[in-house]
Amino acid sequence: MNDLIKYAGIILIVLGAILLSVYVIQHMVSNAVLVSGGFLIVGGTAVYVILNRIFD
């Protein structure tokens, strides 16, 4: 279970990348998908760094 929590940041980064990929493929006009994808990537990076410092 700790491994899943440890890699939660990577999961968020991958979800953000998937959102940005969907934005490009679907040719969306709204910026909401861009903003949420950006937040997921930046937040996932922060979560990954913080959780790896805690669990190591």
PDB file of N, CA and C in Angstrom:
ATOM      1  N   MET A   1       0.822  -1.189   0.000  1.00  0.00           N
ATOM      2  CA  MET A   1       0.000   0.000   0.000  1.00  0.00           C
ATOM      3  C   MET A   1       0.868   1.255   0.000  1.00  0.00           C
ATOM      4  N   ASN A   2       2.010   1.201   0.700  1.00  0.00           N
ATOM      5  CA  ASN A   2       2.884   2.360   0.721  1.00  0.00           C
ATOM      6  C   ASN A   2       3.467   2.658  -0.660  1.00  0.00           C
ATOM      7  N   ASP A   3       3.667   1.617  -1.471  1.00  0.00           N
ATOM      8  CA  ASP A   3       4.177   1.840  -2.825  1.00  0.00           C
ATOM      9  C   ASP A   3       3.184   2.615  -3.665  1.00  0.00           C
ATOM     10  N   LEU A   4       1.896   2.309  -3.507  1.00  0.00           N
ATOM     11  CA  LEU A   4       0.871   3.031  -4.250  1.00  0.00           C
ATOM     12  C   LEU A   4       0.820   4.491  -3.825  1.00  0.00           C
ATOM     13  N   ILE A   5       0.921   4.742  -2.543  1.00  0.00           N
ATOM     14  CA  ILE A   5       0.922   6.118  -2.046  1.00  0.00           C
ATOM     15  C   ILE A   5       2.196   6.829  -2.489  1.00  0.00           C
ATOM     16  N   LYS A   6       3.309   6.117  -2.492  1.00  0.00           N
ATOM     17  CA  LYS A   6       4.584   6.711  -2.879  1.00  0.00           C
ATOM     18  C   LYS A   6       4.562   7.178  -4.331  1.00  0.00           C
ATOM     19  N   TYR A   7       3.856   6.443  -5.193  1.00  0.00           N
ATOM     20  CA  TYR A   7       3.815   6.789  -6.607  1.00  0.00           C
ATOM     21  C   TYR A   7       2.539   7.536  -7.011  1.00  0.00           C
ATOM     22  N   ALA A   8       1.840   8.115  -6.071  1.00  0.00           N
ATOM     23  CA  ALA A   8       0.626   8.873  -6.381  1.00  0.00           C
ATOM     24  C   ALA A   8       0.948  10.090  -7.242  1.00  0.00           C
ATOM     25  N   GLY A   9       2.099  10.695  -7.051  1.00  0.00           N
ATOM     26  CA  GLY A   9       2.497  11.837  -7.859  1.00  0.00           C
ATOM     27  C   GLY A   9       2.684  11.472  -9.318  1.00  0.00           C
ATOM     28  N   ILE A  10       3.267  10.323  -9.570  1.00  0.00           N
ATOM     29  CA  ILE A  10       3.452   9.853 -10.947  1.00  0.00           C
ATOM     30  C   ILE A  10       2.100   9.614 -11.610  1.00  0.00           C
ATOM     31  N   ILE A  11       1.151   9.081 -10.857  1.00  0.00           N
ATOM     32  CA  ILE A  11      -0.187   8.847 -11.396  1.00  0.00           C
ATOM     33  C   ILE A  11      -0.838  10.175 -11.777  1.00  0.00           C
ATOM     34  N   LEU A  12      -0.678  11.198 -10.948  1.00  0.00           N
ATOM     35  CA  LEU A  12      -1.237  12.513 -11.262  1.00  0.00           C
ATOM     36  C   LEU A  12      -0.582  13.114 -12.498  1.00  0.00           C
ATOM     37  N   ILE A  13       0.716  12.939 -12.644  1.00  0.00           N
ATOM     38  CA  ILE A  13       1.422  13.464 -13.811  1.00  0.00           C
ATOM     39  C   ILE A  13       0.927  12.778 -15.080  1.00  0.00           C
ATOM     40  N   VAL A  14       0.741  11.481 -15.014  1.00  0.00           N
ATOM     41  CA  VAL A  14       0.246  10.738 -16.181  1.00  0.00           C
ATOM     42  C   VAL A  14      -1.175  11.171 -16.525  1.00  0.00           C
ATOM     43  N   LEU A  15      -2.024  11.386 -15.529  1.00  0.00           N
ATOM     44  CA  LEU A  15      -3.381  11.865 -15.793  1.00  0.00           C
ATOM     45  C   LEU A  15      -3.369  13.244 -16.445  1.00  0.00           C
ATOM     46  N   GLY A  16      -2.476  14.111 -15.995  1.00  0.00           N
ATOM     47  CA  GLY A  16      -2.341  15.427 -16.619  1.00  0.00           C
ATOM     48  C   GLY A  16      -1.885  15.330 -18.059  1.00  0.00           C
ATOM     49  N   ALA A  17      -0.962  14.438 -18.326  1.00  0.00           N
ATOM     50  CA  ALA A  17      -0.494  14.247 -19.707  1.00  0.00           C
ATOM     51  C   ALA A  17      -1.603  13.680 -20.587  1.00  0.00           C
ATOM     52  N   ILE A  18      -2.420  12.803 -20.042  1.00  0.00           N
ATOM     53  CA  ILE A  18      -3.551  12.262 -20.804  1.00  0.00           C
ATOM     54  C   ILE A  18      -4.552  13.369 -21.125  1.00  0.00           C
ATOM     55  N   LEU A  19      -4.820  14.241 -20.157  1.00  0.00           N
ATOM     56  CA  LEU A  19      -5.732  15.358 -20.411  1.00  0.00           C
ATOM     57  C   LEU A  19      -5.202  16.274 -21.512  1.00  0.00           C
ATOM     58  N   LEU A  20      -3.918  16.562 -21.474  1.00  0.00           N
ATOM     59  CA  LEU A  20      -3.345  17.415 -22.508  1.00  0.00           C
ATOM     60  C   LEU A  20      -3.362  16.723 -23.866  1.00  0.00           C
ATOM     61  N   SER A  21      -3.197  15.419 -23.883  1.00  0.00           N
ATOM     62  CA  SER A  21      -3.271  14.673 -25.143  1.00  0.00           C
ATOM     63  C   SER A  21      -4.688  14.709 -25.720  1.00  0.00           C
ATOM     64  N   VAL A  22      -5.672  14.550 -24.856  1.00  0.00           N
ATOM     65  CA  VAL A  22      -7.067  14.621 -25.307  1.00  0.00           C
ATOM     66  C   VAL A  22      -7.365  16.008 -25.859  1.00  0.00           C
ATOM     67  N   TYR A  23      -6.828  17.047 -25.222  1.00  0.00           N
ATOM     68  CA  TYR A  23      -7.027  18.415 -25.694  1.00  0.00           C
ATOM     69  C   TYR A  23      -6.485  18.582 -27.115  1.00  0.00           C
ATOM     70  N   VAL A  24      -5.320  18.049 -27.374  1.00  0.00           N
ATOM     71  CA  VAL A  24      -4.709  18.184 -28.698  1.00  0.00           C
ATOM     72  C   VAL A  24      -5.455  17.352 -29.736  1.00  0.00           C
ATOM     73  N   ILE A  25      -5.836  16.135 -29.376  1.00  0.00           N
ATOM     74  CA  ILE A  25      -6.499  15.243 -30.327  1.00  0.00           C
ATOM     75  C   ILE A  25      -7.902  15.742 -30.679  1.00  0.00           C
ATOM     76  N   GLN A  26      -8.634  16.234 -29.692  1.00  0.00           N
ATOM     77  CA  GLN A  26     -10.015  16.651 -29.910  1.00  0.00           C
ATOM     78  C   GLN A  26     -10.151  18.076 -30.441  1.00  0.00           C
ATOM     79  N   HIS A  27      -9.079  18.846 -30.504  1.00  0.00           N
ATOM     80  CA  HIS A  27      -9.087  20.240 -30.967  1.00  0.00           C
ATOM     81  C   HIS A  27     -10.107  21.076 -30.186  1.00  0.00           C
ATOM     82  N   MET A  28     -10.029  20.997 -28.880  1.00  0.00           N
ATOM     83  CA  MET A  28     -10.955  21.719 -28.013  1.00  0.00           C
ATOM     84  C   MET A  28     -10.629  23.207 -28.019  1.00  0.00           C
ATOM     85  N   VAL A  29     -11.649  24.014 -27.723  1.00  0.00           N
ATOM     86  CA  VAL A  29     -11.468  25.459 -27.705  1.00  0.00           C
ATOM     87  C   VAL A  29     -11.347  25.976 -26.270  1.00  0.00           C
ATOM     88  N   SER A  30     -11.888  25.256 -25.309  1.00  0.00           N
ATOM     89  CA  SER A  30     -11.896  25.678 -23.917  1.00  0.00           C
ATOM     90  C   SER A  30     -10.511  25.542 -23.285  1.00  0.00           C
ATOM     91  N   ASN A  31     -10.202  26.482 -22.410  1.00  0.00           N
ATOM     92  CA  ASN A  31      -8.924  26.440 -21.706  1.00  0.00           C
ATOM     93  C   ASN A  31      -9.008  25.673 -20.389  1.00  0.00           C
ATOM     94  N   ALA A  32     -10.186  25.215 -20.009  1.00  0.00           N
ATOM     95  CA  ALA A  32     -10.353  24.502 -18.742  1.00  0.00           C
ATOM     96  C   ALA A  32      -9.546  23.207 -18.723  1.00  0.00           C
ATOM     97  N   VAL A  33      -9.491  22.524 -19.837  1.00  0.00           N
ATOM     98  CA  VAL A  33      -8.728  21.273 -19.905  1.00  0.00           C
ATOM     99  C   VAL A  33      -7.243  21.570 -19.805  1.00  0.00           C
ATOM    100  N   LEU A  34      -6.795  22.649 -20.419  1.00  0.00           N
ATOM    101  CA  LEU A  34      -5.378  23.028 -20.325  1.00  0.00           C
ATOM    102  C   LEU A  34      -4.991  23.370 -18.890  1.00  0.00           C
ATOM    103  N   VAL A  35      -5.843  24.138 -18.228  1.00  0.00           N
ATOM    104  CA  VAL A  35      -5.551  24.543 -16.848  1.00  0.00           C
ATOM    105  C   VAL A  35      -5.545  23.339 -15.921  1.00  0.00           C
ATOM    106  N   SER A  36      -6.541  22.460 -16.049  1.00  0.00           N
ATOM    107  CA  SER A  36      -6.580  21.293 -15.164  1.00  0.00           C
ATOM    108  C   SER A  36      -5.430  20.336 -15.455  1.00  0.00           C
ATOM    109  N   GLY A  37      -5.048  20.167 -16.707  1.00  0.00           N
ATOM    110  CA  GLY A  37      -3.896  19.337 -17.040  1.00  0.00           C
ATOM    111  C   GLY A  37      -2.607  19.913 -16.476  1.00  0.00           C
ATOM    112  N   GLY A  38      -2.463  21.227 -16.561  1.00  0.00           N
ATOM    113  CA  GLY A  38      -1.283  21.885 -15.998  1.00  0.00           C
ATOM    114  C   GLY A  38      -1.207  21.747 -14.492  1.00  0.00           C
ATOM    115  N   PHE A  39      -2.364  21.925 -13.824  1.00  0.00           N
ATOM    116  CA  PHE A  39      -2.398  21.765 -12.375  1.00  0.00           C
ATOM    117  C   PHE A  39      -2.064  20.331 -11.964  1.00  0.00           C
ATOM    118  N   LEU A  40      -2.555  19.362 -12.725  1.00  0.00           N
ATOM    119  CA  LEU A  40      -2.246  17.972 -12.399  1.00  0.00           C
ATOM    120  C   LEU A  40      -0.760  17.676 -12.561  1.00  0.00           C
ATOM    121  N   ILE A  41      -0.143  18.216 -13.591  1.00  0.00           N
ATOM    122  CA  ILE A  41       1.285  17.961 -13.800  1.00  0.00           C
ATOM    123  C   ILE A  41       2.126  18.646 -12.728  1.00  0.00           C
ATOM    124  N   VAL A  42       1.837  19.911 -12.456  1.00  0.00           N
ATOM    125  CA  VAL A  42       2.613  20.636 -11.438  1.00  0.00           C
ATOM    126  C   VAL A  42       2.337  20.071 -10.043  1.00  0.00           C
ATOM    127  N   GLY A  43       1.070  19.807  -9.739  1.00  0.00           N
ATOM    128  CA  GLY A  43       0.719  19.235  -8.436  1.00  0.00           C
ATOM    129  C   GLY A  43       1.261  17.832  -8.261  1.00  0.00           C
ATOM    130  N   GLY A  44       1.232  17.047  -9.333  1.00  0.00           N
ATOM    131  CA  GLY A  44       1.778  15.695  -9.265  1.00  0.00           C
ATOM    132  C   GLY A  44       3.266  15.695  -9.013  1.00  0.00           C
ATOM    133  N   THR A  45       3.968  16.644  -9.615  1.00  0.00           N
ATOM    134  CA  THR A  45       5.408  16.759  -9.379  1.00  0.00           C
ATOM    135  C   THR A  45       5.683  17.114  -7.918  1.00  0.00           C
ATOM    136  N   ALA A  46       4.916  18.052  -7.380  1.00  0.00           N
ATOM    137  CA  ALA A  46       5.093  18.442  -5.977  1.00  0.00           C
ATOM    138  C   ALA A  46       4.757  17.287  -5.041  1.00  0.00           C
ATOM    139  N   VAL A  47       3.671  16.587  -5.318  1.00  0.00           N
ATOM    140  CA  VAL A  47       3.277  15.449  -4.477  1.00  0.00           C
ATOM    141  C   VAL A  47       4.339  14.361  -4.534  1.00  0.00           C
ATOM    142  N   TYR A  48       4.881  14.110  -5.718  1.00  0.00           N
ATOM    143  CA  TYR A  48       5.911  13.072  -5.859  1.00  0.00           C
ATOM    144  C   TYR A  48       7.148  13.411  -5.026  1.00  0.00           C
ATOM    145  N   VAL A  49       7.593  14.650  -5.098  1.00  0.00           N
ATOM    146  CA  VAL A  49       8.785  15.054  -4.344  1.00  0.00           C
ATOM    147  C   VAL A  49       8.529  14.988  -2.846  1.00  0.00           C
ATOM    148  N   ILE A  50       7.401  15.501  -2.401  1.00  0.00           N
ATOM    149  CA  ILE A  50       7.094  15.525  -0.970  1.00  0.00           C
ATOM    150  C   ILE A  50       6.929  14.114  -0.404  1.00  0.00           C
ATOM    151  N   LEU A  51       6.183  13.268  -1.116  1.00  0.00           N
ATOM    152  CA  LEU A  51       5.961  11.917  -0.599  1.00  0.00           C
ATOM    153  C   LEU A  51       7.233  11.079  -0.612  1.00  0.00           C
ATOM    154  N   ASN A  52       8.110  11.299  -1.579  1.00  0.00           N
ATOM    155  CA  ASN A  52       9.366  10.545  -1.587  1.00  0.00           C
ATOM    156  C   ASN A  52      10.297  11.000  -0.477  1.00  0.00           C
ATOM    157  N   ARG A  53      10.203  12.231  -0.074  1.00  0.00           N
ATOM    158  CA  ARG A  53      10.996  12.660   1.087  1.00  0.00           C
ATOM    159  C   ARG A  53      10.448  12.062   2.380  1.00  0.00           C
ATOM    160  N   ILE A  54       9.141  11.907   2.453  1.00  0.00           N
ATOM    161  CA  ILE A  54       8.524  11.350   3.666  1.00  0.00           C
ATOM    162  C   ILE A  54       8.813   9.857   3.776  1.00  0.00           C
ATOM    163  N   PHE A  55       8.651   9.099   2.674  1.00  0.00           N
ATOM    164  CA  PHE A  55       8.755   7.646   2.728  1.00  0.00           C
ATOM    165  C   PHE A  55      10.186   7.133   2.598  1.00  0.00           C
ATOM    166  N   ASP A  56      11.152   7.974   2.335  1.00  0.00           N
ATOM    167  CA  ASP A  56      12.548   7.502   2.247  1.00  0.00           C
ATOM    168  C   ASP A  56      13.311   7.724   3.516  1.00  0.00           C
TER     169      ASP A  56
END
